[in-house]
């Protein structure tokens, strides 16, 4: 088992430099020397991603989750995606770094929902039947996204999503450190033809699919929670304006209690961006899945 990468330890490449002054710095630029990443193991890439999140978003310096929710900045998101994009470049030796059969481990490929509300429950189920679980990396690869929707060029579009993604990453951190879970890139990001063939296959399989009512109710509930997070982050004037449009009339005291309740909901929800919003989040083309709930997972 590889020793976890730590910033002040000697770099794994053998240069004699500390890790933070060697490959960790190289990872912070999409223009970094590509040969430095080609043969880095999956386990180490996962640990580097966790270290980057802890460092870039200030958690190593004592930043709290509440501070992260309220102060996450565009430049932090941009820097994180530069690291992430450099990790999964075209120079990667995919055959060399992927797990090999015959090592005595039973592995499973998890293609289900990775939302923080569901991921641990689902991984626990999968872990009953597998020694190691490969999970498709939910972070979008900036290399494959047009500038208009790119997290490096337009990081503000990703603030709300980043709260969930970083929460997800920290949730599975113990699993990654013990190599029970490994994040791998979407094979469709590597082979575009495979991606579209898979989409067509999924669409044909959905044709006769009967949606399970329990799964549909769960998806609707999660959607309502996301809508509630957005509404809670609206400014006072917009919130009260929506109440008036609904036909309700509140007294001054009722308005104050209503606003206090909405702000409290925002603070207490670990997945809610605690920053003002003035419009619905953009649904970017690279992440426009057709989700159909089905027992045990989702069909795309």
Protein backbone atom coordinates (compact mmCIF):
# COMPACT_ATOMS: atom_id res chain seq x y z
CA UNK A 1 0.00 0.00 0.00
CA UNK A 2 1.37 3.44 -0.95
CA UNK A 3 2.14 5.83 1.86
CA UNK A 4 -0.24 8.84 1.76
CA UNK A 5 1.27 11.95 0.19
CA UNK A 6 1.93 14.71 2.74
CA UNK A 7 3.12 18.20 1.89
CA UNK A 8 6.28 18.22 4.04
CA UNK A 9 7.44 14.70 3.21
CA UNK A 10 10.01 13.93 0.45
CA UNK A 11 8.38 13.79 -2.95
CA UNK A 12 7.57 10.33 -4.25
CA UNK A 13 9.51 11.02 -7.48
CA UNK A 14 12.86 10.80 -5.65
CA UNK A 15 13.96 14.36 -6.41
CA UNK A 16 14.91 14.99 -2.79
CA UNK A 17 12.57 17.98 -2.58
CA UNK A 18 9.60 18.19 -0.27
CA UNK A 19 6.37 17.10 -1.93
CA UNK A 20 4.84 20.58 -1.63
CA UNK A 21 7.79 22.06 -3.52
CA UNK A 22 7.82 19.41 -6.24
CA UNK A 23 4.94 17.44 -7.77
CA UNK A 24 2.23 19.16 -5.73
CA UNK A 25 3.22 22.47 -7.32
CA UNK A 26 3.37 20.88 -10.74
CA UNK A 27 -0.15 19.64 -10.29
CA UNK A 28 -1.41 23.19 -9.82
CA UNK A 29 -1.07 24.06 -13.48
CA UNK A 30 -2.80 22.51 -16.45
CA UNK A 31 0.40 23.33 -18.36
CA UNK A 32 2.51 21.20 -15.99
CA UNK A 33 5.01 18.68 -17.36
CA UNK A 34 2.70 15.90 -18.56
CA UNK A 35 5.29 13.18 -18.08
CA UNK A 36 5.12 13.77 -14.34
CA UNK A 37 1.63 12.27 -14.20
CA UNK A 38 1.70 9.46 -16.74
CA UNK A 39 2.43 6.58 -14.35
CA UNK A 40 1.22 7.94 -11.01
CA UNK A 41 -0.98 5.30 -9.38
CA UNK A 42 -4.71 5.67 -8.93
CA UNK A 43 -4.33 5.57 -5.15
CA UNK A 44 -1.83 8.43 -5.16
CA UNK A 45 -3.87 10.52 -7.57
CA UNK A 46 -6.86 10.19 -5.24
CA UNK A 47 -4.79 11.23 -2.24
CA UNK A 48 -3.31 14.18 -4.11
CA UNK A 49 -6.84 15.34 -5.00
CA UNK A 50 -7.87 15.23 -1.33
CA UNK A 51 -4.69 17.08 -0.30
CA UNK A 52 -5.34 19.72 -2.96
CA UNK A 53 -8.90 20.28 -1.70
CA UNK A 54 -7.73 20.59 1.91
CA UNK A 55 -4.97 23.02 0.97
CA UNK A 56 -6.66 25.18 -1.67
CA UNK A 57 -9.91 25.67 0.25
CA UNK A 58 -8.08 26.48 3.48
CA UNK A 59 -9.01 23.51 5.66
CA UNK A 60 -5.36 22.89 6.59
CA UNK A 61 -5.29 26.39 8.05
CA UNK A 62 -8.33 25.80 10.21
CA UNK A 63 -11.11 26.97 7.94
CA UNK A 64 -14.45 25.64 9.15
CA UNK A 65 -17.14 24.17 6.94
CA UNK A 66 -19.40 27.15 7.68
CA UNK A 67 -16.65 29.52 6.54
CA UNK A 68 -16.14 27.45 3.42
CA UNK A 69 -19.86 27.64 2.56
CA UNK A 70 -19.96 31.41 2.98
CA UNK A 71 -16.54 32.40 1.61
CA UNK A 72 -15.72 29.96 -1.19
CA UNK A 73 -14.06 32.09 -3.87
CA UNK A 74 -13.83 31.90 -7.65
CA UNK A 75 -10.03 31.73 -7.55
CA UNK A 76 -10.13 28.72 -5.22
CA UNK A 77 -12.45 26.85 -7.57
CA UNK A 78 -10.27 27.78 -10.53
CA UNK A 79 -7.09 26.54 -8.83
CA UNK A 80 -8.73 23.27 -7.74
CA UNK A 81 -9.87 22.46 -11.27
CA UNK A 82 -6.40 23.22 -12.62
CA UNK A 83 -5.06 20.52 -10.31
CA UNK A 84 -7.88 18.15 -11.19
CA UNK A 85 -7.49 18.75 -14.94
CA UNK A 86 -3.76 18.08 -14.83
CA UNK A 87 -4.34 14.72 -13.13
CA UNK A 88 -6.35 13.16 -15.96
CA UNK A 89 -4.56 14.30 -19.09
CA UNK A 90 -4.14 12.53 -22.44
CA UNK A 91 -0.63 11.46 -21.44
CA UNK A 92 -1.97 9.19 -18.68
CA UNK A 93 -0.88 5.56 -18.94
CA UNK A 94 -4.38 4.15 -18.47
CA UNK A 95 -3.41 0.53 -18.96
CA UNK A 96 -0.52 0.85 -16.54
CA UNK A 97 -2.38 2.52 -13.65
CA UNK A 98 -5.68 0.64 -13.71
CA UNK A 99 -6.12 -2.35 -11.37
CA UNK A 100 -5.11 -5.69 -12.84
CA UNK A 101 -7.04 -8.95 -12.58
CA UNK A 102 -5.44 -11.83 -10.74
CA UNK A 103 -4.43 -10.00 -7.55
CA UNK A 104 -7.09 -11.78 -5.51
CA UNK A 105 -9.35 -8.73 -5.10
CA UNK A 106 -12.97 -8.61 -6.13
CA UNK A 107 -13.72 -5.17 -7.56
CA UNK A 108 -16.98 -3.48 -8.42
CA UNK A 109 -17.67 -0.50 -10.67
CA UNK A 110 -20.15 1.88 -9.06
CA UNK A 111 -22.25 3.85 -11.54
CA UNK A 112 -24.97 5.01 -9.16
CA UNK A 113 -25.77 8.33 -7.56
CA UNK A 114 -22.88 10.19 -5.93
CA UNK A 115 -24.91 12.87 -4.17
CA UNK A 116 -23.69 13.27 -0.59
CA UNK A 117 -27.13 12.38 0.75
CA UNK A 118 -26.89 8.92 -0.82
CA UNK A 119 -23.27 7.96 -1.48
CA UNK A 120 -22.30 6.42 1.88
CA UNK A 121 -25.46 4.36 2.05
CA UNK A 122 -24.87 3.05 -1.46
CA UNK A 123 -21.16 2.36 -0.91
CA UNK A 124 -21.94 0.41 2.24
CA UNK A 125 -24.24 -1.80 0.20
CA UNK A 126 -21.62 -2.36 -2.49
CA UNK A 127 -18.86 -3.03 0.05
CA UNK A 128 -20.67 -6.17 1.22
CA UNK A 129 -19.79 -7.81 -2.10
CA UNK A 130 -16.51 -6.15 -3.12
CA UNK A 131 -12.98 -5.73 -1.77
CA UNK A 132 -12.60 -2.47 -3.66
CA UNK A 133 -15.10 -0.15 -5.36
CA UNK A 134 -14.23 1.97 -8.39
CA UNK A 135 -16.34 5.15 -8.47
CA UNK A 136 -16.63 7.45 -11.48
CA UNK A 137 -15.05 10.78 -10.53
CA UNK A 138 -17.94 13.30 -10.26
CA UNK A 139 -15.70 16.36 -10.76
CA UNK A 140 -16.02 17.60 -14.36
CA UNK A 141 -12.75 17.60 -16.30
CA UNK A 142 -12.05 21.16 -17.40
CA UNK A 143 -10.12 19.87 -20.42
CA UNK A 144 -13.37 18.69 -22.00
CA UNK A 145 -15.62 21.72 -21.40
CA UNK A 146 -16.18 24.80 -23.53
CA UNK A 147 -14.93 28.08 -21.99
CA UNK A 148 -18.47 29.39 -21.50
CA UNK A 149 -19.19 26.57 -19.06
CA UNK A 150 -15.64 25.80 -17.94
CA UNK A 151 -14.90 25.87 -14.18
CA UNK A 152 -11.52 27.46 -14.86
CA UNK A 153 -12.88 30.24 -17.09
CA UNK A 154 -16.19 30.69 -15.25
CA UNK A 155 -15.77 29.29 -11.73
CA UNK A 156 -18.70 31.28 -10.30
CA UNK A 157 -21.08 28.87 -12.04
CA UNK A 158 -19.78 26.03 -9.87
CA UNK A 159 -20.01 27.46 -6.36
CA UNK A 160 -23.14 25.61 -5.26
CA UNK A 161 -22.01 22.41 -6.94
CA UNK A 162 -18.56 22.59 -5.32
CA UNK A 163 -20.09 22.56 -1.83
CA UNK A 164 -21.61 19.18 -2.61
CA UNK A 165 -18.59 17.80 -4.45
CA UNK A 166 -16.09 18.68 -1.73
CA UNK A 167 -18.47 17.33 0.91
CA UNK A 168 -18.65 14.10 -1.11
CA UNK A 169 -14.85 13.95 -1.36
CA UNK A 170 -14.38 14.35 2.38
CA UNK A 171 -17.12 11.80 3.07
CA UNK A 172 -15.25 9.09 1.18
CA UNK A 173 -11.77 10.21 2.32
CA UNK A 174 -11.39 7.34 4.86
CA UNK A 175 -12.46 4.86 2.19
CA UNK A 176 -9.88 6.26 -0.25
CA UNK A 177 -7.09 6.28 2.33
CA UNK A 178 -7.73 2.59 3.03
CA UNK A 179 -8.03 1.86 -0.71
CA UNK A 180 -11.56 0.56 -0.34
CA UNK A 181 -12.67 3.16 -2.87
CA UNK A 182 -10.81 4.62 -5.84
CA UNK A 183 -12.06 7.47 -8.03
CA UNK A 184 -11.51 6.88 -11.73
CA UNK A 185 -12.28 9.21 -14.66
CA UNK A 186 -15.35 8.69 -16.78
CA UNK A 187 -14.24 6.35 -19.61
CA UNK A 188 -16.33 8.52 -21.92
CA UNK A 189 -13.97 11.43 -21.24
CA UNK A 190 -11.14 9.30 -22.59
CA UNK A 191 -12.96 7.73 -25.54
CA UNK A 192 -15.64 10.05 -26.95
CA UNK A 193 -16.97 7.40 -29.32
CA UNK A 194 -17.49 5.08 -26.36
CA UNK A 195 -19.36 7.86 -24.57
CA UNK A 196 -21.94 8.33 -27.31
CA UNK A 197 -22.31 4.58 -27.87
CA UNK A 198 -23.04 4.24 -24.16
CA UNK A 199 -25.61 7.05 -24.26
CA UNK A 200 -27.43 5.40 -27.16
CA UNK A 201 -27.38 2.04 -25.37
CA UNK A 202 -28.73 3.63 -22.17
CA UNK A 203 -31.51 5.38 -24.05
CA UNK A 204 -32.59 2.14 -25.71
CA UNK A 205 -32.63 0.37 -22.34
CA UNK A 206 -34.81 3.11 -20.86
CA UNK A 207 -37.50 2.60 -23.49
CA UNK A 208 -39.40 -0.08 -21.60
CA UNK A 209 -38.30 0.85 -18.10
CA UNK A 210 -41.00 0.99 -15.44
CA UNK A 211 -40.12 3.67 -12.89
CA UNK A 212 -40.28 2.53 -9.30
CA UNK A 213 -42.53 4.85 -7.30
CA UNK A 214 -40.31 4.71 -4.20
CA UNK A 215 -37.25 5.73 -6.22
CA UNK A 216 -39.21 8.47 -7.97
CA UNK A 217 -40.33 9.86 -4.60
CA UNK A 218 -36.70 9.88 -3.40
CA UNK A 219 -35.55 11.81 -6.46
CA UNK A 220 -38.37 14.31 -6.06
CA UNK A 221 -37.46 14.81 -2.40
CA UNK A 222 -33.83 15.49 -3.29
CA UNK A 223 -34.96 17.95 -5.95
CA UNK A 224 -37.13 19.79 -3.43
CA UNK A 225 -34.17 20.01 -1.06
CA UNK A 226 -32.05 21.62 -3.80
CA UNK A 227 -34.82 24.09 -4.58
CA UNK A 228 -35.09 24.92 -0.88
CA UNK A 229 -31.36 25.64 -0.75
CA UNK A 230 -31.65 28.05 -3.64
CA UNK A 231 -34.65 29.84 -2.17
CA UNK A 232 -32.99 30.15 1.24
CA UNK A 233 -30.04 31.95 -0.34
CA UNK A 234 -32.13 34.61 -2.09
CA UNK A 235 -31.97 38.17 -0.78
CA UNK A 236 -34.69 39.43 1.60
CA UNK A 237 -36.52 41.48 -1.01
CA UNK A 238 -36.72 38.59 -3.49
CA UNK A 239 -37.90 36.14 -0.82
CA UNK A 240 -40.65 38.44 0.42
CA UNK A 241 -41.62 39.23 -3.16
CA UNK A 242 -42.18 35.53 -3.83
CA UNK A 243 -44.38 35.29 -0.73
CA UNK A 244 -46.52 38.18 -1.94
CA UNK A 245 -46.84 36.66 -5.42
CA UNK A 246 -48.15 33.48 -3.83
CA UNK A 247 -51.07 35.51 -2.47
CA UNK A 248 -49.98 35.55 1.18
CA UNK A 249 -49.83 38.65 3.31
CA UNK A 250 -47.39 38.78 6.24
CA UNK A 251 -47.12 41.28 9.05
CA UNK A 252 -43.79 42.91 9.82
CA UNK A 253 -43.16 40.43 12.65
CA UNK A 254 -44.10 37.47 10.47
CA UNK A 255 -41.72 38.67 7.75
CA UNK A 256 -38.90 38.88 10.29
CA UNK A 257 -39.57 35.37 11.60
CA UNK A 258 -39.83 34.00 8.07
CA UNK A 259 -36.50 35.50 7.03
CA UNK A 260 -34.82 34.30 10.24
CA UNK A 261 -36.10 30.79 9.55
CA UNK A 262 -34.79 30.79 5.96
CA UNK A 263 -31.34 32.05 7.04
CA UNK A 264 -31.17 29.43 9.79
CA UNK A 265 -32.01 26.71 7.27
CA UNK A 266 -29.15 27.94 5.12
CA UNK A 267 -26.64 27.86 7.98
CA UNK A 268 -27.67 24.45 9.27
CA UNK A 269 -27.69 22.68 5.91
CA UNK A 270 -24.13 21.40 5.24
CA UNK A 271 -24.80 21.20 1.49
CA UNK A 272 -26.13 24.73 1.02
CA UNK A 273 -24.05 27.56 -0.41
CA UNK A 274 -24.31 30.35 2.14
CA UNK A 275 -23.84 33.19 -0.34
CA UNK A 276 -26.43 35.43 -2.00
CA UNK A 277 -27.90 34.20 -5.28
CA UNK A 278 -30.07 36.09 -7.72
CA UNK A 279 -30.88 33.46 -10.34
CA UNK A 280 -31.28 29.75 -10.76
CA UNK A 281 -28.02 27.81 -11.25
CA UNK A 282 -26.98 27.21 -14.83
CA UNK A 283 -27.42 23.64 -16.05
CA UNK A 284 -24.23 23.28 -18.03
CA UNK A 285 -24.24 21.10 -21.18
CA UNK A 286 -21.41 18.84 -19.99
CA UNK A 287 -23.55 17.80 -17.02
CA UNK A 288 -26.98 17.42 -18.56
CA UNK A 289 -27.85 13.82 -17.77
CA UNK A 290 -31.19 12.20 -18.37
CA UNK A 291 -31.81 10.58 -15.01
CA UNK A 292 -34.42 7.92 -14.56
CA UNK A 293 -34.72 6.49 -11.05
CA UNK A 294 -34.62 2.72 -10.82
CA UNK A 295 -34.26 0.30 -7.95
CA UNK A 296 -30.60 0.17 -6.88
CA UNK A 297 -29.35 3.06 -8.98
CA UNK A 298 -30.09 5.24 -12.00
CA UNK A 299 -30.19 4.68 -15.73
CA UNK A 300 -28.62 7.38 -17.89
